[in-house]
Amino acid sequence: MWGLKFSADSQHLAYVAAKDSDKPDLKKWVMVIDRCEGPEYGAILMGQYGEPSFFVETGSLVFYAVRDGSLYRVTQPFPK
């Protein structure tokens, strides 16, 4: 678990978590918001000091992730 971050209203908590995959030397990464896991990625980009580079917009979390060699700007809404 890395990069705990609260929303501006302190109603939501987000962090990055590593998951084991079916390949022993490969981990998958997920963004977790309010204990709800999002989709799996090959990587979630980290900042200069090893913290996840994500930020909160109104009603959602925005971060950069890699899947199958492509970079994506991901907007993951807060769970209802």
Protein backbone atom coordinates (compact mmCIF):
# COMPACT_ATOMS: atom_id res chain seq x y z
CA MET A 1 0.00 0.00 0.00
CA TRP A 2 1.43 3.38 -1.05
CA GLY A 3 0.43 7.01 -1.18
CA LEU A 4 -2.55 7.41 1.11
CA LYS A 5 -4.54 10.43 0.01
CA PHE A 6 -7.80 11.93 1.26
CA SER A 7 -10.29 13.89 -0.82
CA ALA A 8 -10.63 17.59 -0.06
CA ASP A 9 -13.75 16.96 2.02
CA SER A 10 -12.03 14.04 3.86
CA GLN A 11 -14.88 11.72 2.85
CA HIS A 12 -12.79 9.45 0.59
CA LEU A 13 -9.47 7.64 0.97
CA ALA A 14 -7.34 6.43 -1.95
CA TYR A 15 -4.09 4.46 -2.22
CA VAL A 16 -2.14 2.22 -4.59
CA ALA A 17 -1.91 -1.52 -3.85
CA ALA A 18 0.15 -4.32 -5.40
CA LYS A 19 -1.51 -7.62 -6.30
CA ASP A 20 0.10 -10.92 -7.18
CA SER A 21 -0.54 -12.12 -10.71
CA ASP A 22 -0.51 -15.58 -12.25
CA LYS A 23 3.13 -14.96 -13.24
CA PRO A 24 5.46 -15.25 -10.21
CA ASP A 25 7.78 -12.37 -11.16
CA LEU A 26 5.04 -9.92 -12.21
CA LYS A 27 2.82 -7.82 -9.96
CA LYS A 28 -0.30 -5.97 -10.96
CA TRP A 29 -1.22 -2.58 -9.49
CA VAL A 30 -4.62 -1.20 -8.56
CA MET A 31 -5.93 2.11 -7.27
CA VAL A 32 -8.14 1.55 -4.23
CA ILE A 33 -10.77 4.13 -3.31
CA ASP A 34 -12.83 3.65 -0.17
CA ARG A 35 -11.81 -0.06 -0.05
CA CYS A 36 -13.02 -0.62 -3.65
CA GLU A 37 -10.34 -1.81 -6.09
CA GLY A 38 -10.19 -0.38 -9.58
CA PRO A 39 -8.88 -2.18 -12.68
CA GLU A 40 -5.43 -3.79 -12.72
CA TYR A 41 -2.48 -2.08 -14.42
CA GLY A 42 1.09 -3.09 -15.17
CA ALA A 43 2.24 0.09 -13.43
CA ILE A 44 0.84 3.19 -11.75
CA LEU A 45 3.19 6.13 -12.17
CA MET A 46 5.08 7.33 -9.13
CA GLY A 47 6.36 10.80 -8.31
CA GLN A 48 9.90 11.95 -7.69
CA TYR A 49 10.02 10.62 -4.12
CA GLY A 50 8.21 7.32 -4.74
CA GLU A 51 4.74 8.58 -3.97
CA PRO A 52 1.92 7.91 -6.45
CA SER A 53 1.23 10.78 -8.82
CA PHE A 54 -2.51 11.14 -8.50
CA PHE A 55 -4.85 13.93 -7.61
CA VAL A 56 -8.47 14.42 -6.72
CA GLU A 57 -10.97 16.14 -8.98
CA THR A 58 -14.61 16.69 -8.11
CA GLY A 59 -16.08 13.23 -7.59
CA SER A 60 -13.12 11.28 -8.97
CA LEU A 61 -9.43 10.46 -8.77
CA VAL A 62 -7.07 11.07 -11.70
CA PHE A 63 -3.78 9.20 -12.18
CA TYR A 64 -1.47 7.86 -14.88
CA ALA A 65 -1.09 4.13 -15.45
CA VAL A 66 0.46 1.71 -17.92
CA ARG A 67 -1.35 -1.27 -19.44
CA ASP A 68 0.02 -3.43 -22.25
CA GLY A 69 2.78 -0.92 -22.96
CA SER A 70 0.45 2.09 -23.37
CA LEU A 71 0.22 5.09 -21.03
CA TYR A 72 -3.26 6.16 -19.90
CA ARG A 73 -4.66 9.13 -17.99
CA VAL A 74 -7.24 7.36 -15.83
CA THR A 75 -10.24 8.99 -14.17
CA GLN A 76 -11.68 6.68 -11.51
CA PRO A 77 -14.91 7.92 -9.91
CA PHE A 78 -15.44 7.69 -6.17
CA PRO A 79 -17.71 4.80 -5.18
CA LYS A 80 -21.27 5.78 -4.31
